[in-house]
């Protein structure tokens, strides 16, 4: 199974108001394992760079002025993501909105919304009431994001790939609980395998801030919240 972990940087929040993509970064996974193949492209937005956006990603209009426009890289980008690979994106609706706007402007095929896997929604379902930003998830999963002083599409894609693998159960989906058939045994094992408690409990990963946020979330649910049931 091929998946593409993807991120974009833009000039703002709304393509309908003239905002454009200025950077795309993507990382290829095959069966949840990074293959080493990546895609990275800076893009000339053919407009100014608002200071608010520059403060996020550090890409100036001057730096981008000699980079190709989106029309020149659209086909290479579509070739990299392929026709049916799932696209793993944090806050997918934002990036998909921009990608399809850019593709529509150059009359290229749009990307189906159902191809997107939104890690923001995954994190909110898995950790209700807790912060779900990329930085917060890096702290939760002990992923090094010290080089992320500014947002960058390729770096964020590489970090998001690590976060995604943790969200789906670590680097070995299924937790390694599948038991291979016994070899060279003369007797069958009649007892069904069951998971056993860890000899040493794992240390808590919740920060104090996250614990308080969860406690406040549960309190809003009232006395019938499942966390309060014995």
C-alpha atoms as a PDB file:
ATOM      1  CA  UNK A   1       0.000   0.000   0.000  1.00  0.00           C
ATOM      2  CA  UNK A   2       1.422   3.353  -1.098  1.00  0.00           C
ATOM      3  CA  UNK A   3       0.752   6.520   0.896  1.00  0.00           C
ATOM      4  CA  UNK A   4       2.029  10.074   0.487  1.00  0.00           C
ATOM      5  CA  UNK A   5       2.560  12.264   3.564  1.00  0.00           C
ATOM      6  CA  UNK A   6       2.116  15.805   2.344  1.00  0.00           C
ATOM      7  CA  UNK A   7       2.330  19.429   3.483  1.00  0.00           C
ATOM      8  CA  UNK A   8       2.076  22.840   1.839  1.00  0.00           C
ATOM      9  CA  UNK A   9       3.028  26.389   2.739  1.00  0.00           C
ATOM     10  CA  UNK A  10       0.959  29.290   1.425  1.00  0.00           C
ATOM     11  CA  UNK A  11       0.656  33.073   1.346  1.00  0.00           C
ATOM     12  CA  UNK A  12      -2.447  32.982   3.548  1.00  0.00           C
ATOM     13  CA  UNK A  13      -5.670  31.155   4.318  1.00  0.00           C
ATOM     14  CA  UNK A  14      -8.007  31.585   1.345  1.00  0.00           C
ATOM     15  CA  UNK A  15      -7.249  30.782  -2.305  1.00  0.00           C
ATOM     16  CA  UNK A  16     -10.534  32.474  -3.162  1.00  0.00           C
ATOM     17  CA  UNK A  17      -9.042  35.735  -1.902  1.00  0.00           C
ATOM     18  CA  UNK A  18      -5.874  35.431  -3.970  1.00  0.00           C
ATOM     19  CA  UNK A  19      -3.681  33.333  -1.667  1.00  0.00           C
ATOM     20  CA  UNK A  20      -1.354  30.827  -3.333  1.00  0.00           C
ATOM     21  CA  UNK A  21       0.810  27.805  -2.549  1.00  0.00           C
ATOM     22  CA  UNK A  22       4.522  28.645  -2.199  1.00  0.00           C
ATOM     23  CA  UNK A  23       5.971  25.263  -1.172  1.00  0.00           C
ATOM     24  CA  UNK A  24       5.018  21.590  -1.382  1.00  0.00           C
ATOM     25  CA  UNK A  25       6.781  18.771   0.444  1.00  0.00           C
ATOM     26  CA  UNK A  26       5.876  15.091   0.369  1.00  0.00           C
ATOM     27  CA  UNK A  27       7.249  11.779   1.666  1.00  0.00           C
ATOM     28  CA  UNK A  28       6.441   8.364   0.204  1.00  0.00           C
ATOM     29  CA  UNK A  29       5.442   5.446   2.448  1.00  0.00           C
ATOM     30  CA  UNK A  30       4.984   1.861   1.304  1.00  0.00           C
ATOM     31  CA  UNK A  31       3.201  -0.435   3.750  1.00  0.00           C
ATOM     32  CA  UNK A  32       3.711   2.299   6.371  1.00  0.00           C
ATOM     33  CA  UNK A  33       7.483   2.373   5.866  1.00  0.00           C
ATOM     34  CA  UNK A  34       9.322   5.419   4.405  1.00  0.00           C
ATOM     35  CA  UNK A  35      10.898   4.494   1.086  1.00  0.00           C
ATOM     36  CA  UNK A  36      13.320   7.424   0.953  1.00  0.00           C
ATOM     37  CA  UNK A  37      11.513   8.978  -2.028  1.00  0.00           C
ATOM     38  CA  UNK A  38      10.474  12.574  -1.456  1.00  0.00           C
ATOM     39  CA  UNK A  39       9.058  15.479  -3.421  1.00  0.00           C
ATOM     40  CA  UNK A  40       9.972  19.090  -2.679  1.00  0.00           C
ATOM     41  CA  UNK A  41       9.239  22.230  -4.644  1.00  0.00           C
ATOM     42  CA  UNK A  42       9.280  25.965  -3.990  1.00  0.00           C
ATOM     43  CA  UNK A  43       6.732  27.844  -6.102  1.00  0.00           C
ATOM     44  CA  UNK A  44       6.563  31.448  -7.307  1.00  0.00           C
ATOM     45  CA  UNK A  45       3.123  32.706  -6.183  1.00  0.00           C
ATOM     46  CA  UNK A  46       3.293  35.686  -8.566  1.00  0.00           C
ATOM     47  CA  UNK A  47       2.225  38.024  -5.785  1.00  0.00           C
ATOM     48  CA  UNK A  48       3.549  39.668  -2.629  1.00  0.00           C
ATOM     49  CA  UNK A  49       4.190  37.792   0.626  1.00  0.00           C
ATOM     50  CA  UNK A  50       2.144  39.015   3.605  1.00  0.00           C
ATOM     51  CA  UNK A  51       4.293  39.526   6.681  1.00  0.00           C
ATOM     52  CA  UNK A  52       2.062  37.168   8.692  1.00  0.00           C
ATOM     53  CA  UNK A  53       2.782  34.317   6.287  1.00  0.00           C
ATOM     54  CA  UNK A  54       6.491  35.177   6.085  1.00  0.00           C
ATOM     55  CA  UNK A  55       6.712  34.954   9.885  1.00  0.00           C
ATOM     56  CA  UNK A  56       5.366  31.383   9.691  1.00  0.00           C
ATOM     57  CA  UNK A  57       7.557  29.903   6.941  1.00  0.00           C
ATOM     58  CA  UNK A  58      10.260  32.503   6.230  1.00  0.00           C
ATOM     59  CA  UNK A  59       9.770  32.421   2.446  1.00  0.00           C
ATOM     60  CA  UNK A  60      10.013  35.905   0.949  1.00  0.00           C
ATOM     61  CA  UNK A  61       8.651  37.095  -2.402  1.00  0.00           C
ATOM     62  CA  UNK A  62      12.254  37.856  -3.400  1.00  0.00           C
ATOM     63  CA  UNK A  63      13.409  34.301  -2.617  1.00  0.00           C
ATOM     64  CA  UNK A  64      10.493  32.821  -4.573  1.00  0.00           C
ATOM     65  CA  UNK A  65      10.767  35.190  -7.550  1.00  0.00           C
ATOM     66  CA  UNK A  66      13.001  32.865  -9.611  1.00  0.00           C
ATOM     67  CA  UNK A  67      11.142  29.660  -8.705  1.00  0.00           C
ATOM     68  CA  UNK A  68       8.751  27.979 -11.175  1.00  0.00           C
ATOM     69  CA  UNK A  69       5.060  28.856 -11.159  1.00  0.00           C
ATOM     70  CA  UNK A  70       2.535  26.182 -10.209  1.00  0.00           C
ATOM     71  CA  UNK A  71       1.577  25.478 -13.834  1.00  0.00           C
ATOM     72  CA  UNK A  72       5.162  24.435 -14.555  1.00  0.00           C
ATOM     73  CA  UNK A  73       5.318  21.863 -11.736  1.00  0.00           C
ATOM     74  CA  UNK A  74       1.705  20.626 -11.625  1.00  0.00           C
ATOM     75  CA  UNK A  75       2.268  17.509 -13.730  1.00  0.00           C
ATOM     76  CA  UNK A  76       5.410  16.482 -11.840  1.00  0.00           C
ATOM     77  CA  UNK A  77       3.494  16.841  -8.581  1.00  0.00           C
ATOM     78  CA  UNK A  78       0.559  14.761  -9.851  1.00  0.00           C
ATOM     79  CA  UNK A  79       2.974  12.118 -11.164  1.00  0.00           C
ATOM     80  CA  UNK A  80       4.594  11.856  -7.726  1.00  0.00           C
ATOM     81  CA  UNK A  81       1.371  11.455  -5.743  1.00  0.00           C
ATOM     82  CA  UNK A  82      -0.049   9.053  -8.322  1.00  0.00           C
ATOM     83  CA  UNK A  83      -3.673   8.405  -9.195  1.00  0.00           C
ATOM     84  CA  UNK A  84      -4.877   6.601  -6.082  1.00  0.00           C
ATOM     85  CA  UNK A  85      -2.337   6.786  -3.227  1.00  0.00           C
ATOM     86  CA  UNK A  86      -3.802   8.020   0.046  1.00  0.00           C
ATOM     87  CA  UNK A  87      -2.586  11.494   1.034  1.00  0.00           C
ATOM     88  CA  UNK A  88      -1.721  11.821   4.734  1.00  0.00           C
ATOM     89  CA  UNK A  89      -2.147  15.480   5.711  1.00  0.00           C
ATOM     90  CA  UNK A  90      -2.438  17.362   9.005  1.00  0.00           C
ATOM     91  CA  UNK A  91      -5.593  19.503   8.743  1.00  0.00           C
ATOM     92  CA  UNK A  92      -6.258  18.034   5.319  1.00  0.00           C
ATOM     93  CA  UNK A  93      -9.114  20.348   4.345  1.00  0.00           C
ATOM     94  CA  UNK A  94      -6.714  23.317   4.278  1.00  0.00           C
ATOM     95  CA  UNK A  95      -4.113  21.742   1.972  1.00  0.00           C
ATOM     96  CA  UNK A  96      -6.701  20.037  -0.242  1.00  0.00           C
ATOM     97  CA  UNK A  97      -8.512  23.360  -0.712  1.00  0.00           C
ATOM     98  CA  UNK A  98      -5.314  25.006  -1.933  1.00  0.00           C
ATOM     99  CA  UNK A  99      -4.119  22.102  -4.071  1.00  0.00           C
ATOM    100  CA  UNK A 100      -7.428  21.792  -5.901  1.00  0.00           C
ATOM    101  CA  UNK A 101      -7.671  25.564  -6.374  1.00  0.00           C
ATOM    102  CA  UNK A 102      -4.210  25.639  -7.951  1.00  0.00           C
ATOM    103  CA  UNK A 103      -5.016  22.610 -10.125  1.00  0.00           C
ATOM    104  CA  UNK A 104      -8.310  24.124 -11.270  1.00  0.00           C
ATOM    105  CA  UNK A 105      -6.595  27.364 -12.303  1.00  0.00           C
ATOM    106  CA  UNK A 106      -4.274  25.457 -14.648  1.00  0.00           C
ATOM    107  CA  UNK A 107      -7.069  23.127 -15.833  1.00  0.00           C
ATOM    108  CA  UNK A 108      -5.502  19.978 -14.374  1.00  0.00           C
ATOM    109  CA  UNK A 109      -7.378  17.037 -12.780  1.00  0.00           C
ATOM    110  CA  UNK A 110      -8.511  17.697  -9.222  1.00  0.00           C
ATOM    111  CA  UNK A 111      -7.684  15.432  -6.272  1.00  0.00           C
ATOM    112  CA  UNK A 112     -10.644  13.542  -4.799  1.00  0.00           C
ATOM    113  CA  UNK A 113     -11.354  14.551  -1.209  1.00  0.00           C
ATOM    114  CA  UNK A 114     -11.684  10.904  -0.134  1.00  0.00           C
ATOM    115  CA  UNK A 115      -7.990  10.347  -0.869  1.00  0.00           C
ATOM    116  CA  UNK A 116      -7.054  12.485   2.153  1.00  0.00           C
ATOM    117  CA  UNK A 117      -6.255  10.958   5.551  1.00  0.00           C
ATOM    118  CA  UNK A 118      -6.470  13.770   8.120  1.00  0.00           C
ATOM    119  CA  UNK A 119      -4.052  13.210  11.005  1.00  0.00           C
ATOM    120  CA  UNK A 120      -5.555  16.162  12.892  1.00  0.00           C
ATOM    121  CA  UNK A 121      -8.921  14.381  13.023  1.00  0.00           C
ATOM    122  CA  UNK A 122      -7.189  11.099  13.900  1.00  0.00           C
ATOM    123  CA  UNK A 123      -5.418  12.746  16.839  1.00  0.00           C
ATOM    124  CA  UNK A 124      -8.591  14.425  18.090  1.00  0.00           C
ATOM    125  CA  UNK A 125     -10.466  11.117  18.027  1.00  0.00           C
ATOM    126  CA  UNK A 126      -7.635   9.266  19.738  1.00  0.00           C
ATOM    127  CA  UNK A 127      -6.872  11.940  22.370  1.00  0.00           C
ATOM    128  CA  UNK A 128     -10.120  13.905  22.896  1.00  0.00           C
ATOM    129  CA  UNK A 129      -9.639  17.201  24.673  1.00  0.00           C
ATOM    130  CA  UNK A 130      -5.858  17.196  24.209  1.00  0.00           C
ATOM    131  CA  UNK A 131      -3.793  19.514  21.986  1.00  0.00           C
ATOM    132  CA  UNK A 132      -3.512  18.057  18.496  1.00  0.00           C
ATOM    133  CA  UNK A 133      -1.079  20.383  16.746  1.00  0.00           C
ATOM    134  CA  UNK A 134       1.944  18.822  15.054  1.00  0.00           C
ATOM    135  CA  UNK A 135       4.228  20.167  17.797  1.00  0.00           C
ATOM    136  CA  UNK A 136       1.940  18.803  20.531  1.00  0.00           C
ATOM    137  CA  UNK A 137       1.907  15.365  18.917  1.00  0.00           C
ATOM    138  CA  UNK A 138       5.697  15.408  18.626  1.00  0.00           C
ATOM    139  CA  UNK A 139       5.871  16.015  22.385  1.00  0.00           C
ATOM    140  CA  UNK A 140       3.387  13.226  23.058  1.00  0.00           C
ATOM    141  CA  UNK A 141       5.277  10.688  20.956  1.00  0.00           C
ATOM    142  CA  UNK A 142       8.791  11.906  21.879  1.00  0.00           C
ATOM    143  CA  UNK A 143       9.552  12.819  18.259  1.00  0.00           C
ATOM    144  CA  UNK A 144      12.447  15.226  17.788  1.00  0.00           C
ATOM    145  CA  UNK A 145      11.224  18.407  16.110  1.00  0.00           C
ATOM    146  CA  UNK A 146      14.028  20.667  17.362  1.00  0.00           C
ATOM    147  CA  UNK A 147      14.919  21.669  13.783  1.00  0.00           C
ATOM    148  CA  UNK A 148      11.390  23.009  13.233  1.00  0.00           C
ATOM    149  CA  UNK A 149      12.096  26.665  14.029  1.00  0.00           C
ATOM    150  CA  UNK A 150       9.955  27.693  11.042  1.00  0.00           C
ATOM    151  CA  UNK A 151       7.342  25.753   9.115  1.00  0.00           C
ATOM    152  CA  UNK A 152       8.802  23.995   6.067  1.00  0.00           C
ATOM    153  CA  UNK A 153       6.777  21.700   3.827  1.00  0.00           C
ATOM    154  CA  UNK A 154       9.318  18.879   3.443  1.00  0.00           C
ATOM    155  CA  UNK A 155      10.511  18.940   7.066  1.00  0.00           C
ATOM    156  CA  UNK A 156       6.915  19.001   8.311  1.00  0.00           C
ATOM    157  CA  UNK A 157       6.068  16.073   6.014  1.00  0.00           C
ATOM    158  CA  UNK A 158       8.958  14.044   7.422  1.00  0.00           C
ATOM    159  CA  UNK A 159       7.884  14.841  10.996  1.00  0.00           C
ATOM    160  CA  UNK A 160       4.243  14.112  10.158  1.00  0.00           C
ATOM    161  CA  UNK A 161       5.227  10.707   8.755  1.00  0.00           C
ATOM    162  CA  UNK A 162       6.636   9.801  12.180  1.00  0.00           C
ATOM    163  CA  UNK A 163       3.511  11.145  13.922  1.00  0.00           C
ATOM    164  CA  UNK A 164       1.217   9.236  11.542  1.00  0.00           C
ATOM    165  CA  UNK A 165       3.003   5.957  12.190  1.00  0.00           C
ATOM    166  CA  UNK A 166       2.559   6.506  15.930  1.00  0.00           C
ATOM    167  CA  UNK A 167      -1.126   7.340  15.498  1.00  0.00           C
ATOM    168  CA  UNK A 168      -1.779   4.066  13.683  1.00  0.00           C
ATOM    169  CA  UNK A 169       0.059   2.053  16.329  1.00  0.00           C
ATOM    170  CA  UNK A 170       3.762   2.678  16.025  1.00  0.00           C
ATOM    171  CA  UNK A 171       6.207   1.689  13.329  1.00  0.00           C
ATOM    172  CA  UNK A 172       4.788  -1.836  13.245  1.00  0.00           C
ATOM    173  CA  UNK A 173       1.023  -1.487  12.680  1.00  0.00           C
ATOM    174  CA  UNK A 174      -0.815  -4.231  14.517  1.00  0.00           C
ATOM    175  CA  UNK A 175       1.614  -3.943  17.463  1.00  0.00           C
ATOM    176  CA  UNK A 176       3.393  -7.130  16.436  1.00  0.00           C
ATOM    177  CA  UNK A 177       0.713  -9.289  18.078  1.00  0.00           C
ATOM    178  CA  UNK A 178       0.201 -11.611  15.123  1.00  0.00           C
ATOM    179  CA  UNK A 179       1.513 -15.045  15.975  1.00  0.00           C
ATOM    180  CA  UNK A 180       3.149 -17.011  13.198  1.00  0.00           C
ATOM    181  CA  UNK A 181       2.218 -20.695  12.855  1.00  0.00           C
ATOM    182  CA  UNK A 182       4.407 -22.934  14.997  1.00  0.00           C
ATOM    183  CA  UNK A 183       7.144 -24.805  13.138  1.00  0.00           C
ATOM    184  CA  UNK A 184       8.657 -28.209  13.927  1.00  0.00           C
ATOM    185  CA  UNK A 185       6.290 -28.865  16.819  1.00  0.00           C
ATOM    186  CA  UNK A 186       4.914 -32.311  17.526  1.00  0.00           C
ATOM    187  CA  UNK A 187       1.999 -31.081  19.644  1.00  0.00           C
ATOM    188  CA  UNK A 188      -0.516 -28.378  18.918  1.00  0.00           C
ATOM    189  CA  UNK A 189      -0.968 -25.401  21.194  1.00  0.00           C
ATOM    190  CA  UNK A 190      -4.544 -25.548  22.431  1.00  0.00           C
ATOM    191  CA  UNK A 191      -4.545 -22.357  24.485  1.00  0.00           C
ATOM    192  CA  UNK A 192      -5.565 -19.248  22.580  1.00  0.00           C
ATOM    193  CA  UNK A 193      -2.938 -16.507  22.778  1.00  0.00           C
ATOM    194  CA  UNK A 194      -3.872 -13.489  24.894  1.00  0.00           C
ATOM    195  CA  UNK A 195      -1.926 -10.308  25.618  1.00  0.00           C
ATOM    196  CA  UNK A 196      -0.315 -10.203  29.048  1.00  0.00           C
ATOM    197  CA  UNK A 197       0.396  -7.204  31.280  1.00  0.00           C
ATOM    198  CA  UNK A 198       3.745  -5.506  30.818  1.00  0.00           C
ATOM    199  CA  UNK A 199       6.229  -6.414  33.571  1.00  0.00           C
ATOM    200  CA  UNK A 200       7.060  -2.718  33.900  1.00  0.00           C
ATOM    201  CA  UNK A 201       4.310  -0.176  33.066  1.00  0.00           C
ATOM    202  CA  UNK A 202       5.121   2.403  30.420  1.00  0.00           C
ATOM    203  CA  UNK A 203       5.771   5.917  31.761  1.00  0.00           C
ATOM    204  CA  UNK A 204       2.880   8.375  31.246  1.00  0.00           C
ATOM    205  CA  UNK A 205       3.087  10.492  28.090  1.00  0.00           C
ATOM    206  CA  UNK A 206       0.506  13.076  29.128  1.00  0.00           C
ATOM    207  CA  UNK A 207       1.807  16.489  30.037  1.00  0.00           C
ATOM    208  CA  UNK A 208       0.241  18.312  32.975  1.00  0.00           C
ATOM    209  CA  UNK A 209      -1.442  20.693  30.512  1.00  0.00           C
ATOM    210  CA  UNK A 210      -2.922  17.792  28.546  1.00  0.00           C
ATOM    211  CA  UNK A 211      -4.123  16.052  31.720  1.00  0.00           C
ATOM    212  CA  UNK A 212      -5.908  19.215  32.851  1.00  0.00           C
ATOM    213  CA  UNK A 213      -7.473  19.679  29.402  1.00  0.00           C
ATOM    214  CA  UNK A 214      -8.764  16.100  29.461  1.00  0.00           C
ATOM    215  CA  UNK A 215     -10.145  16.517  32.979  1.00  0.00           C
ATOM    216  CA  UNK A 216     -12.019  19.647  31.861  1.00  0.00           C
ATOM    217  CA  UNK A 217     -13.331  17.797  28.797  1.00  0.00           C
ATOM    218  CA  UNK A 218     -14.648  14.895  30.895  1.00  0.00           C
ATOM    219  CA  UNK A 219     -16.272  17.292  33.358  1.00  0.00           C
ATOM    220  CA  UNK A 220     -18.321  18.828  30.532  1.00  0.00           C
ATOM    221  CA  UNK A 221     -19.736  15.391  29.664  1.00  0.00           C
ATOM    222  CA  UNK A 222     -21.405  14.982  33.039  1.00  0.00           C
ATOM    223  CA  UNK A 223     -21.628  12.023  35.389  1.00  0.00           C
ATOM    224  CA  UNK A 224     -22.387   9.528  32.612  1.00  0.00           C
ATOM    225  CA  UNK A 225     -19.012   9.992  30.892  1.00  0.00           C
ATOM    226  CA  UNK A 226     -17.400   6.610  30.237  1.00  0.00           C
ATOM    227  CA  UNK A 227     -14.208   7.748  32.014  1.00  0.00           C
ATOM    228  CA  UNK A 228     -16.199   8.010  35.275  1.00  0.00           C
ATOM    229  CA  UNK A 229     -17.655   4.520  35.116  1.00  0.00           C
ATOM    230  CA  UNK A 230     -16.144   1.961  37.444  1.00  0.00           C
END
